[in-house]
Amino acid sequence: MSRPAPVIVVGSDDLALRTIISLVEHYHVPVTAVVTGGRSSEEITLVPGVRVLRADRVDDEVLSRAGVAEAGAIALLERDDAVNLQAALVAQDLHPAVRTVIRTFNLALASRVSVLLNDAVALSDSDIAASAWVEAALGALDLEPVRIGATELWVEWRTDVPPEAIVTGLGKADGGLLGRDKDADIVLTRYAGPLEAARLARRRAVTGGRPPRFIRIRRPYLYMLGGLVLFFVVASVLLASLEGQSLGDAFLSSLLALVGQESIDINESSAALVVRIILAVISVAFVPAIAAAVVDVVVSARLASASGMRRSMQYHIVLVGLGNLGTRVMRRMVSLGFTVVGVERDEQSRGAGAARELNVPVVIGDAAQPQVLVRAQTAAARIVVLTIPDDFTNLEIALTAQDHGSGPRLVMRLRDGDFADRLYRAFGLRVSRNAERIAAAAFAHALVCHEPVIRVMALGRRVLLFATVLVEADSPLSGVLLSSVNAAGLVKVLGVQSADTDTALLQPPDRRIEAGLRIIVVATQAGLADLLGRARSLYA
């Protein structure tokens, strides 16, 4: 088998770093990194075996020096969609056959990249990682099905599903992945019907089982109106009793008196006369009280609209940081029916604009400042999600949120796994995710394989990939038993797809693998990389 073609990675942030590490450690391909001064530039230079070029901008001269004419693939991972697209056009001018993987935020652009460029795919790192944040925030294993052909599968706890519905085991709650099915706590299941009720129950548990109240009449007005209504009822009952009226007539008579539309008859009994006089006096205060309450509600609503923040929110989700990831998480939360309050430094940011489109209130300010979290009503929130791409900033905000809340569920963005473990031991901050690590698994796979990843899933800080592997002619897998693909802790076969049949799950273990067969697997990054190598032709 020939030496794999080199891969060029353009980018200087954590996604570029994680993608390079995946390519080197799992796929064993030679990598040239073009760094443009991002915060991970120095860490990239320390990855063993990586050739590093420094550049102020990416142009034809830089890509030529990087060896794009001989490269098998190039990843363009800058944060600017326009910069990545321009670099992709330059790369394909220099090498029309190069495999091109583009990072993009704009999903509309992503859908058109394959039309604009040869052998190209666009991926959104924030879109890939957003599901992991939403699921972690809601305490769910999986809120969306894994779609394999026409089949929808769900990831659930074994205790939540009947044994006959289990397709395969995925892992244990305390760490192990893809071991023996009978030992797995987390399973892949066909069982979707009754589980919808369980998902709804989980959502209600998150929101406290009741809708949040946004704007309320303040207590003084409530007490005043309540007293007036109570006296109105008592007066109507007294009039009905004193004058022999029906209760309905008495209510109507009292209402007319209350709004000043009935004159008082001095020939009435003394008791009735007293009641009517009091009603007349009360009527002087009744209409202004109603007007004051209405004005209070209207003014509060207008002030809330102007400030972007509603008063008296409860059981909501506070989302700190409306960057690319935060914006995707916000859209997912809103689509699921949850009430979200955003916290963002920059009022003019793209995320703040998206929040306005979704009618999501945004508190502008530094979330590390206690008063900003107070304005976001963190004390009444059920969940606080931190998506700022800086570990220590997130830690500072998390500790501040703990001081101002009654135990909200905290989900943090942390790039350092060891740091996350120490935070859990020191402060009990248990739930954290690494967006770049989750997304990098999909980017690295796209650079070395034309078959797209079906799904990238985070189980805690561990990553699993659902993928399709094409068995090439003359590959080491041709003719072997399908069951031999399974590797404990690395790969599990879910099904196959041949050229003339639909996807079929749970194939017999004695089936032989033939060239052209697509094997559907769930695997770790290392397991999938090894399987891809075995599926390639010996003569490629």
Protein backbone atom coordinates (compact mmCIF):
# COMPACT_ATOMS: atom_id res chain seq x y z
CA MET A 1 0.00 0.00 0.00
CA SER A 2 1.39 3.42 -0.99
CA ARG A 3 2.17 6.17 1.49
CA PRO A 4 -0.90 8.39 2.13
CA ALA A 5 -0.93 11.76 0.41
CA PRO A 6 -0.17 14.73 2.69
CA VAL A 7 -2.95 16.89 4.10
CA ILE A 8 -2.79 20.68 4.50
CA VAL A 9 -4.61 22.31 7.41
CA VAL A 10 -5.07 26.09 7.33
CA GLY A 11 -6.06 27.59 10.66
CA SER A 12 -4.71 28.60 14.03
CA ASP A 13 -7.43 27.97 16.61
CA ASP A 14 -8.48 24.97 18.68
CA LEU A 15 -10.42 23.34 15.83
CA ALA A 16 -7.31 23.36 13.65
CA LEU A 17 -5.21 21.98 16.52
CA ARG A 18 -7.66 19.16 17.29
CA THR A 19 -8.05 18.27 13.60
CA ILE A 20 -4.28 18.06 13.17
CA ILE A 21 -3.95 15.86 16.26
CA SER A 22 -6.68 13.53 14.95
CA LEU A 23 -4.99 13.26 11.54
CA VAL A 24 -1.60 12.50 13.05
CA GLU A 25 -2.62 10.20 15.91
CA HIS A 26 -5.48 8.27 14.30
CA TYR A 27 -5.09 8.44 10.52
CA HIS A 28 -1.27 8.62 10.43
CA VAL A 29 -1.13 11.01 7.50
CA PRO A 30 1.61 13.62 6.96
CA VAL A 31 0.30 17.10 7.80
CA THR A 32 1.40 20.59 6.80
CA ALA A 33 -0.10 23.30 8.99
CA VAL A 34 -0.47 26.88 7.74
CA VAL A 35 -0.89 29.07 10.83
CA THR A 36 -1.96 32.69 10.70
CA GLY A 37 -1.43 33.83 14.27
CA GLY A 38 -4.35 32.37 16.23
CA ARG A 39 -4.14 31.47 19.88
CA SER A 40 -3.33 27.80 19.19
CA SER A 41 -0.45 28.55 16.80
CA GLU A 42 2.25 27.65 19.31
CA GLU A 43 0.51 24.43 20.33
CA ILE A 44 0.27 23.41 16.68
CA THR A 45 4.03 23.78 16.28
CA LEU A 46 4.52 21.28 19.13
CA VAL A 47 2.54 18.44 17.49
CA PRO A 48 5.15 15.81 16.51
CA GLY A 49 5.81 15.33 12.81
CA VAL A 50 3.83 18.35 11.61
CA ARG A 51 5.41 20.73 9.13
CA VAL A 52 4.44 24.32 10.03
CA LEU A 53 4.32 27.38 7.75
CA ARG A 54 3.56 30.83 9.16
CA ALA A 55 1.71 33.34 7.01
CA ASP A 56 -0.14 36.62 7.42
CA ARG A 57 -2.69 35.62 4.77
CA VAL A 58 -3.46 32.58 2.65
CA ASP A 59 -2.72 33.13 -1.05
CA ASP A 60 -1.42 31.14 -4.01
CA GLU A 61 2.22 31.68 -2.98
CA VAL A 62 1.61 30.32 0.55
CA LEU A 63 -0.41 27.33 -0.68
CA SER A 64 2.25 26.53 -3.27
CA ARG A 65 4.90 26.53 -0.52
CA ALA A 66 2.63 24.27 1.54
CA GLY A 67 2.62 21.75 -1.32
CA VAL A 68 -1.00 21.90 -2.42
CA ALA A 69 -0.08 20.48 -5.84
CA GLU A 70 0.91 17.17 -4.19
CA ALA A 71 -1.66 17.23 -1.36
CA GLY A 72 -4.47 14.74 -1.12
CA ALA A 73 -6.69 17.13 0.82
CA ILE A 74 -6.79 20.60 2.30
CA ALA A 75 -8.80 21.85 5.29
CA LEU A 76 -9.62 25.56 5.44
CA LEU A 77 -10.48 26.25 9.08
CA GLU A 78 -10.32 30.01 9.53
CA ARG A 79 -13.25 31.62 11.36
CA ASP A 80 -14.27 33.77 8.37
CA ASP A 81 -16.48 32.05 5.75
CA ALA A 82 -15.37 34.43 2.99
CA VAL A 83 -11.66 33.87 3.72
CA ASN A 84 -12.13 30.09 3.61
CA LEU A 85 -14.08 30.19 0.36
CA GLN A 86 -11.49 32.43 -1.31
CA ALA A 87 -8.67 30.12 -0.19
CA ALA A 88 -10.62 27.11 -1.52
CA LEU A 89 -10.88 28.72 -4.94
CA VAL A 90 -7.14 29.41 -4.94
CA ALA A 91 -6.36 25.83 -3.87
CA GLN A 92 -8.48 24.34 -6.65
CA ASP A 93 -6.87 26.61 -9.25
CA LEU A 94 -3.50 25.19 -8.17
CA HIS A 95 -4.71 21.58 -7.84
CA PRO A 96 -8.19 20.92 -9.31
CA ALA A 97 -8.35 17.37 -7.91
CA VAL A 98 -7.53 18.23 -4.30
CA ARG A 99 -10.10 17.18 -1.71
CA THR A 100 -11.32 20.40 -0.01
CA VAL A 101 -12.98 20.64 3.40
CA ILE A 102 -14.25 24.08 4.38
CA ARG A 103 -15.31 25.36 7.76
CA THR A 104 -18.41 27.54 7.51
CA PHE A 105 -21.05 29.05 9.74
CA ASN A 106 -23.47 29.87 6.93
CA LEU A 107 -25.42 26.66 6.28
CA ALA A 108 -26.83 28.03 3.03
CA LEU A 109 -23.27 28.44 1.75
CA ALA A 110 -22.40 24.96 2.98
CA SER A 111 -25.14 23.42 0.87
CA ARG A 112 -23.76 25.07 -2.30
CA VAL A 113 -20.05 24.37 -1.85
CA SER A 114 -20.21 21.01 -3.63
CA VAL A 115 -21.70 22.81 -6.65
CA LEU A 116 -19.14 25.62 -6.64
CA LEU A 117 -16.04 23.45 -6.15
CA ASN A 118 -14.68 20.08 -7.24
CA ASP A 119 -14.60 17.35 -4.59
CA ALA A 120 -15.46 19.71 -1.76
CA VAL A 121 -17.52 19.57 1.41
CA ALA A 122 -18.41 22.33 3.88
CA LEU A 123 -18.97 21.57 7.55
CA SER A 124 -20.18 23.78 10.37
CA ASP A 125 -18.24 23.04 13.55
CA SER A 126 -20.81 24.90 15.66
CA ASP A 127 -23.68 22.94 14.11
CA ILE A 128 -21.90 19.62 14.72
CA ALA A 129 -21.18 20.45 18.37
CA ALA A 130 -24.47 22.19 19.25
CA SER A 131 -26.39 18.95 19.80
CA ALA A 132 -23.90 17.87 22.47
CA TRP A 133 -24.49 21.12 24.38
CA VAL A 134 -28.26 20.90 24.19
CA GLU A 135 -28.27 17.27 25.30
CA ALA A 136 -25.87 18.00 28.16
CA ALA A 137 -27.95 20.98 29.29
CA LEU A 138 -31.16 18.97 29.32
CA GLY A 139 -29.56 15.91 30.89
CA ALA A 140 -30.53 13.75 27.90
CA LEU A 141 -28.44 11.19 26.05
CA ASP A 142 -29.99 11.96 22.69
CA LEU A 143 -32.65 14.38 21.48
CA GLU A 144 -32.40 13.47 17.80
CA PRO A 145 -32.45 10.04 16.16
CA VAL A 146 -29.50 8.45 14.41
CA ARG A 147 -30.82 7.98 10.87
CA ILE A 148 -29.41 4.95 9.08
CA GLY A 149 -31.11 4.60 5.74
CA ALA A 150 -34.85 4.74 6.43
CA THR A 151 -34.38 3.56 10.01
CA GLU A 152 -34.34 5.85 13.03
CA LEU A 153 -32.40 4.68 16.06
CA TRP A 154 -32.21 6.28 19.49
CA VAL A 155 -29.55 6.37 22.18
CA GLU A 156 -31.05 5.58 25.58
CA TRP A 157 -30.32 4.16 29.01
CA ARG A 158 -30.79 0.39 29.06
CA THR A 159 -33.25 0.66 31.94
CA ASP A 160 -35.57 2.84 29.82
CA VAL A 161 -36.16 0.35 26.99
CA PRO A 162 -37.37 -3.25 26.66
CA PRO A 163 -34.61 -5.79 25.93
CA GLU A 164 -36.07 -6.77 22.55
CA ALA A 165 -35.73 -3.18 21.26
CA ILE A 166 -31.95 -2.97 21.83
CA VAL A 167 -29.82 -2.97 18.68
CA THR A 168 -26.42 -2.85 20.39
CA GLY A 169 -24.67 -1.55 23.46
CA LEU A 170 -22.67 1.66 23.18
CA GLY A 171 -20.96 2.15 26.49
CA LYS A 172 -20.92 2.26 30.26
CA ALA A 173 -21.85 5.26 32.34
CA ASP A 174 -18.43 5.27 34.01
CA GLY A 175 -16.35 5.32 30.86
CA GLY A 176 -15.97 2.22 28.68
CA LEU A 177 -17.16 2.38 25.06
CA LEU A 178 -18.27 -0.36 22.66
CA GLY A 179 -17.68 -3.30 25.00
CA ARG A 180 -19.90 -6.33 25.48
CA ASP A 181 -23.57 -5.62 24.86
CA LYS A 182 -24.69 -7.12 28.16
CA ASP A 183 -22.38 -4.79 30.11
CA ALA A 184 -23.56 -1.58 28.43
CA ASP A 185 -25.60 0.98 30.37
CA ILE A 186 -26.12 3.12 27.25
CA VAL A 187 -27.68 1.39 24.27
CA LEU A 188 -28.80 2.00 20.71
CA THR A 189 -32.47 1.15 20.32
CA ARG A 190 -35.28 1.05 17.77
CA TYR A 191 -37.79 1.90 20.49
CA ALA A 192 -39.11 5.39 19.78
CA GLY A 193 -42.86 5.48 20.55
CA PRO A 194 -43.20 5.38 24.36
CA LEU A 195 -39.87 7.14 24.71
CA GLU A 196 -41.40 10.32 23.30
CA ALA A 197 -43.39 10.59 26.55
CA ALA A 198 -40.18 10.11 28.50
CA ARG A 199 -38.51 12.91 26.54
CA LEU A 200 -41.47 15.18 27.22
CA ALA A 201 -41.26 14.32 30.90
CA ARG A 202 -37.56 15.18 30.88
CA ARG A 203 -38.34 18.53 29.28
CA ARG A 204 -40.98 19.25 31.92
CA ALA A 205 -38.51 18.29 34.63
CA VAL A 206 -36.06 20.83 33.24
CA THR A 207 -38.60 23.64 33.09
CA GLY A 208 -40.19 22.83 36.44
CA GLY A 209 -43.40 21.58 34.85
CA ARG A 210 -44.86 25.02 34.35
CA PRO A 211 -44.43 27.79 31.78
CA PRO A 212 -42.31 30.79 32.78
CA ARG A 213 -44.19 33.94 33.65
CA PHE A 214 -42.80 36.98 31.88
CA ILE A 215 -44.80 40.07 32.95
CA ARG A 216 -47.11 40.17 35.95
CA ILE A 217 -49.24 42.80 37.68
CA ARG A 218 -47.33 43.93 40.72
CA ARG A 219 -48.56 42.90 44.15
CA PRO A 220 -49.89 46.28 45.37
CA TYR A 221 -52.19 46.45 42.35
CA LEU A 222 -53.23 42.85 42.83
CA TYR A 223 -54.11 43.46 46.49
CA MET A 224 -56.08 46.59 45.64
CA LEU A 225 -57.99 44.95 42.80
CA GLY A 226 -58.60 41.86 44.88
CA GLY A 227 -60.07 43.94 47.70
CA LEU A 228 -62.37 45.80 45.33
CA VAL A 229 -63.60 42.59 43.72
CA LEU A 230 -64.18 41.01 47.12
CA PHE A 231 -66.24 43.99 48.31
CA PHE A 232 -68.20 43.98 45.03
CA VAL A 233 -69.18 40.35 45.58
CA VAL A 234 -70.11 40.92 49.22
CA ALA A 235 -72.18 44.02 48.33
CA SER A 236 -74.04 42.13 45.60
CA VAL A 237 -74.95 39.30 47.98
CA LEU A 238 -76.16 41.81 50.60
CA LEU A 239 -78.32 43.65 48.07
CA ALA A 240 -79.85 40.39 46.87
CA SER A 241 -80.69 39.49 50.44
CA LEU A 242 -81.99 42.92 51.52
CA GLU A 243 -84.10 43.67 48.43
CA GLY A 244 -85.24 40.17 47.52
CA GLN A 245 -83.53 40.33 44.13
CA SER A 246 -82.05 37.43 42.29
CA LEU A 247 -78.28 37.19 42.63
CA GLY A 248 -77.86 38.02 38.93
CA ASP A 249 -79.95 41.18 39.19
CA ALA A 250 -78.06 42.18 42.31
CA PHE A 251 -74.71 41.76 40.52
CA LEU A 252 -75.92 43.86 37.61
CA SER A 253 -77.26 46.56 39.91
CA SER A 254 -74.00 46.64 41.86
CA LEU A 255 -71.95 46.81 38.66
CA LEU A 256 -73.98 49.78 37.40
CA ALA A 257 -73.54 51.51 40.72
CA LEU A 258 -69.83 50.77 40.70
CA VAL A 259 -69.30 52.47 37.36
CA GLY A 260 -71.61 55.36 38.26
CA GLN A 261 -74.47 54.49 35.93
CA GLU A 262 -77.28 54.05 38.50
CA SER A 263 -78.75 56.74 40.72
CA ILE A 264 -79.41 56.02 44.38
CA ASP A 265 -83.04 55.77 45.50
CA ILE A 266 -83.36 57.46 48.91
CA ASN A 267 -86.55 55.47 49.59
CA GLU A 268 -84.65 52.19 49.82
CA SER A 269 -84.11 50.50 53.11
CA SER A 270 -81.39 51.95 55.32
CA ALA A 271 -79.15 48.92 54.94
CA ALA A 272 -79.46 48.92 51.13
CA LEU A 273 -78.88 52.66 51.06
CA VAL A 274 -75.63 52.24 53.06
CA VAL A 275 -74.42 49.55 50.68
CA ARG A 276 -75.18 51.69 47.62
CA ILE A 277 -73.48 54.73 49.10
CA ILE A 278 -70.35 52.67 49.81
CA LEU A 279 -70.48 51.30 46.24
CA ALA A 280 -70.70 54.84 44.90
CA VAL A 281 -67.68 55.86 46.96
CA ILE A 282 -65.74 52.77 45.91
CA SER A 283 -66.59 53.48 42.27
CA VAL A 284 -64.47 56.62 42.51
CA ALA A 285 -61.40 54.38 43.08
CA PHE A 286 -62.41 51.40 40.94
CA VAL A 287 -61.91 52.81 37.44
CA PRO A 288 -58.55 54.51 38.29
CA ALA A 289 -57.34 51.25 39.87
CA ILE A 290 -58.14 49.29 36.72
CA ALA A 291 -56.47 51.99 34.60
CA ALA A 292 -53.35 51.97 36.82
CA ALA A 293 -53.00 48.18 36.55
CA VAL A 294 -53.35 48.27 32.76
CA VAL A 295 -50.84 51.10 32.44
CA ASP A 296 -48.40 49.20 34.68
CA VAL A 297 -48.58 46.12 32.44
CA VAL A 298 -48.25 48.13 29.20
CA VAL A 299 -45.34 50.25 30.44
CA SER A 300 -43.58 47.17 31.81
CA ALA A 301 -43.96 45.44 28.46
CA ARG A 302 -42.54 48.44 26.58
CA LEU A 303 -39.63 48.77 28.98
CA ALA A 304 -38.97 45.03 28.65
CA SER A 305 -39.01 45.33 24.86
CA ALA A 306 -36.61 48.26 24.95
CA SER A 307 -34.17 46.55 27.34
CA GLY A 308 -34.50 43.09 25.83
CA MET A 309 -35.16 41.59 29.24
CA ARG A 310 -38.43 40.41 30.71
CA ARG A 311 -39.28 40.71 34.35
CA SER A 312 -40.02 37.82 36.72
CA MET A 313 -38.74 34.96 34.56
CA GLN A 314 -38.57 31.48 36.05
CA TYR A 315 -37.24 28.08 35.00
CA HIS A 316 -35.49 29.57 31.97
CA ILE A 317 -32.12 28.79 30.41
CA VAL A 318 -29.33 31.37 30.66
CA LEU A 319 -26.99 31.09 27.67
CA VAL A 320 -23.70 32.96 28.11
CA GLY A 321 -21.83 33.77 24.91
CA LEU A 322 -23.63 34.17 21.58
CA GLY A 323 -20.77 33.31 19.29
CA ASN A 324 -21.10 30.67 16.57
CA LEU A 325 -21.65 27.82 19.04
CA GLY A 326 -23.87 29.84 21.37
CA THR A 327 -26.06 30.94 18.46
CA ARG A 328 -26.57 27.34 17.30
CA VAL A 329 -27.39 26.21 20.85
CA MET A 330 -29.87 29.09 21.21
CA ARG A 331 -31.66 28.15 17.99
CA ARG A 332 -31.91 24.49 19.07
CA MET A 333 -33.25 25.42 22.52
CA VAL A 334 -35.86 27.77 21.09
CA SER A 335 -36.95 25.17 18.52
CA LEU A 336 -37.50 22.71 21.39
CA GLY A 337 -39.78 25.18 23.12
CA PHE A 338 -37.53 26.38 25.93
CA THR A 339 -37.30 29.94 27.19
CA VAL A 340 -33.77 31.32 26.74
CA VAL A 341 -32.06 34.47 28.03
CA GLY A 342 -28.80 35.34 26.28
CA VAL A 343 -25.80 37.13 27.78
CA GLU A 344 -23.43 38.74 25.28
CA ARG A 345 -20.71 41.41 25.45
CA ASP A 346 -21.26 42.85 22.00
CA GLU A 347 -24.69 44.24 21.17
CA GLN A 348 -23.80 44.27 17.46
CA SER A 349 -22.64 40.66 17.28
CA ARG A 350 -24.19 38.18 14.87
CA GLY A 351 -25.52 36.16 17.81
CA ALA A 352 -27.26 39.17 19.35
CA GLY A 353 -28.90 39.83 15.99
CA ALA A 354 -30.07 36.22 15.78
CA ALA A 355 -31.52 36.55 19.29
CA ARG A 356 -33.56 39.58 18.21
CA GLU A 357 -34.93 37.60 15.26
CA LEU A 358 -36.02 34.84 17.65
CA ASN A 359 -37.41 37.29 20.24
CA VAL A 360 -34.88 36.02 22.76
CA PRO A 361 -34.03 38.65 25.41
CA VAL A 362 -30.31 39.48 25.63
CA VAL A 363 -28.47 41.07 28.54
CA ILE A 364 -25.50 43.04 27.21
CA GLY A 365 -22.45 42.95 29.45
CA ASP A 366 -19.65 40.88 30.95
CA ALA A 367 -21.15 37.77 32.55
CA ALA A 368 -18.27 37.64 35.02
CA GLN A 369 -19.80 40.74 36.66
CA PRO A 370 -22.41 39.70 39.26
CA GLN A 371 -24.89 42.40 38.26
CA VAL A 372 -25.06 41.04 34.70
CA LEU A 373 -26.09 37.60 35.93
CA VAL A 374 -28.60 39.26 38.25
CA ARG A 375 -30.17 41.02 35.25
CA ALA A 376 -30.37 37.65 33.48
CA GLN A 377 -32.23 36.38 36.58
CA THR A 378 -29.80 33.51 37.05
CA ALA A 379 -31.15 32.88 40.55
CA ALA A 380 -34.46 31.73 39.03
CA ALA A 381 -32.89 29.83 36.12
CA ARG A 382 -32.85 26.06 35.92
CA ILE A 383 -29.86 25.80 33.54
CA VAL A 384 -26.82 27.98 32.79
CA VAL A 385 -24.89 27.16 29.59
CA LEU A 386 -21.42 28.69 29.07
CA THR A 387 -20.10 28.67 25.48
CA ILE A 388 -17.30 31.27 25.67
CA PRO A 389 -14.11 29.78 24.15
CA ASP A 390 -11.93 30.47 27.20
CA ASP A 391 -11.64 28.01 30.10
CA PHE A 392 -10.81 30.48 32.87
CA THR A 393 -13.49 32.96 31.82
CA ASN A 394 -16.04 30.16 31.90
CA LEU A 395 -14.82 29.06 35.33
CA GLU A 396 -15.15 32.60 36.67
CA ILE A 397 -18.69 32.91 35.32
CA ALA A 398 -19.65 29.44 36.60
CA LEU A 399 -18.55 30.25 40.15
CA THR A 400 -20.39 33.59 40.01
CA ALA A 401 -23.52 31.82 38.76
CA GLN A 402 -23.31 29.34 41.62
CA ASP A 403 -23.17 32.23 44.09
CA HIS A 404 -26.28 33.86 42.59
CA GLY A 405 -28.41 30.81 41.90
CA SER A 406 -30.09 28.08 43.90
CA GLY A 407 -28.18 25.31 42.21
CA PRO A 408 -28.77 25.76 38.44
CA ARG A 409 -27.41 23.01 36.20
CA LEU A 410 -24.13 24.29 34.74
CA VAL A 411 -22.77 23.21 31.35
CA MET A 412 -19.32 24.60 30.57
CA ARG A 413 -17.19 24.81 27.48
CA LEU A 414 -13.73 23.51 28.44
CA ARG A 415 -10.95 22.62 26.04
CA ASP A 416 -8.68 20.98 28.63
CA GLY A 417 -9.97 17.61 29.86
CA ASP A 418 -7.55 17.44 32.81
CA PHE A 419 -8.66 20.91 33.90
CA ALA A 420 -12.29 19.76 33.70
CA ASP A 421 -11.53 16.80 35.98
CA ARG A 422 -9.86 19.06 38.53
CA LEU A 423 -12.80 21.47 38.48
CA TYR A 424 -15.16 18.60 39.19
CA ARG A 425 -13.10 17.49 42.19
CA ALA A 426 -12.64 21.02 43.53
CA PHE A 427 -15.98 22.71 42.80
CA GLY A 428 -18.37 19.96 41.72
CA LEU A 429 -18.60 21.45 38.20
CA ARG A 430 -19.30 18.17 36.49
CA VAL A 431 -20.82 18.83 33.05
CA SER A 432 -18.39 20.11 30.44
CA ARG A 433 -17.91 19.68 26.71
CA ASN A 434 -15.11 20.40 24.23
CA ALA A 435 -16.68 21.77 21.05
CA GLU A 436 -13.49 21.58 19.01
CA ARG A 437 -12.80 17.97 19.91
CA ILE A 438 -16.33 16.93 18.88
CA ALA A 439 -16.21 18.82 15.56
CA ALA A 440 -12.61 17.85 14.76
CA ALA A 441 -13.62 14.19 14.56
CA ALA A 442 -15.92 15.01 11.63
CA PHE A 443 -13.40 17.31 9.91
CA ALA A 444 -10.54 14.79 10.12
CA HIS A 445 -12.76 12.01 8.76
CA ALA A 446 -13.92 14.20 5.85
CA LEU A 447 -10.31 14.88 4.85
CA VAL A 448 -9.41 11.22 4.44
CA CYS A 449 -12.75 9.69 3.42
CA HIS A 450 -15.41 10.64 0.86
CA GLU A 451 -18.14 8.80 2.76
CA PRO A 452 -19.73 11.36 5.11
CA VAL A 453 -20.08 10.78 8.83
CA ILE A 454 -23.69 9.96 9.69
CA ARG A 455 -23.46 11.43 13.16
CA VAL A 456 -20.89 12.58 15.70
CA MET A 457 -22.06 11.93 19.24
CA ALA A 458 -20.61 12.97 22.57
CA LEU A 459 -21.08 10.66 25.53
CA GLY A 460 -19.70 12.84 28.27
CA ARG A 461 -16.31 13.95 26.97
CA ARG A 462 -15.99 10.84 24.82
CA VAL A 463 -16.74 10.91 21.09
CA LEU A 464 -18.40 8.25 18.96
CA LEU A 465 -18.89 8.37 15.20
CA PHE A 466 -21.65 6.70 13.21
CA ALA A 467 -20.21 6.22 9.73
CA THR A 468 -20.30 4.26 6.47
CA VAL A 469 -17.13 2.54 5.25
CA LEU A 470 -16.82 1.48 1.58
CA VAL A 471 -14.93 -1.78 1.04
CA GLU A 472 -12.71 -1.33 -2.02
CA ALA A 473 -11.67 -4.06 -4.41
CA ASP A 474 -8.58 -6.03 -3.30
CA SER A 475 -8.82 -4.68 0.24
CA PRO A 476 -7.82 -6.84 3.24
CA LEU A 477 -11.51 -6.99 4.23
CA SER A 478 -12.68 -8.63 0.99
CA GLY A 479 -13.90 -12.14 1.68
CA VAL A 480 -13.63 -12.05 5.47
CA LEU A 481 -16.50 -12.53 7.91
CA LEU A 482 -18.50 -9.43 8.74
CA SER A 483 -18.19 -10.26 12.43
CA SER A 484 -14.42 -9.87 12.18
CA VAL A 485 -14.87 -6.11 11.76
CA ASN A 486 -16.04 -5.80 15.37
CA ALA A 487 -13.26 -4.74 17.69
CA ALA A 488 -13.87 -4.40 21.42
CA GLY A 489 -13.70 -0.80 22.53
CA LEU A 490 -13.19 0.43 18.96
CA VAL A 491 -15.79 -0.66 16.37
CA LYS A 492 -19.23 -2.25 16.21
CA VAL A 493 -21.02 -3.20 13.00
CA LEU A 494 -24.61 -1.94 12.77
CA GLY A 495 -25.49 -3.06 9.26
CA VAL A 496 -24.53 -3.05 5.60
CA GLN A 497 -25.59 -1.47 2.35
CA SER A 498 -24.83 -2.99 -1.04
CA ALA A 499 -25.22 -1.38 -4.43
CA ASP A 500 -28.48 -3.19 -5.21
CA THR A 501 -30.18 -3.29 -1.81
CA ASP A 502 -31.35 -0.92 0.86
CA THR A 503 -29.64 -0.53 4.21
CA ALA A 504 -30.01 -3.67 6.32
CA LEU A 505 -29.32 -3.70 10.06
CA LEU A 506 -28.15 -6.63 12.19
CA GLN A 507 -26.61 -8.86 9.55
CA PRO A 508 -25.77 -12.50 10.37
CA PRO A 509 -22.22 -12.75 11.71
CA ASP A 510 -21.23 -15.39 9.13
CA ARG A 511 -21.88 -13.08 6.18
CA ARG A 512 -18.86 -12.55 3.97
CA ILE A 513 -17.73 -9.09 2.96
CA GLU A 514 -17.52 -8.38 -0.75
CA ALA A 515 -15.99 -5.46 -2.62
CA GLY A 516 -18.38 -2.55 -3.03
CA LEU A 517 -20.19 -3.29 0.23
CA ARG A 518 -20.74 -0.36 2.55
CA ILE A 519 -20.41 -1.29 6.21
CA ILE A 520 -22.33 0.87 8.69
CA VAL A 521 -20.51 1.12 12.01
CA VAL A 522 -20.35 3.01 15.26
CA ALA A 523 -16.76 3.58 16.27
CA THR A 524 -14.24 5.64 18.16
CA GLN A 525 -11.93 7.83 16.10
CA ALA A 526 -9.11 5.31 16.43
CA GLY A 527 -11.38 2.39 15.52
CA LEU A 528 -12.84 4.14 12.48
CA ALA A 529 -9.42 5.19 11.22
CA ASP A 530 -8.13 1.62 11.47
CA LEU A 531 -11.20 0.25 9.68
CA LEU A 532 -10.81 2.77 6.85
CA GLY A 533 -7.24 1.60 6.36
CA ARG A 534 -8.31 -2.04 6.19
CA ALA A 535 -11.12 -1.24 3.72
CA ARG A 536 -8.78 0.37 1.18
CA SER A 537 -7.28 -1.49 -1.74
CA LEU A 538 -3.82 -2.93 -1.19
CA TYR A 539 -2.82 -1.39 -4.52
CA ALA A 540 -4.17 2.11 -4.03
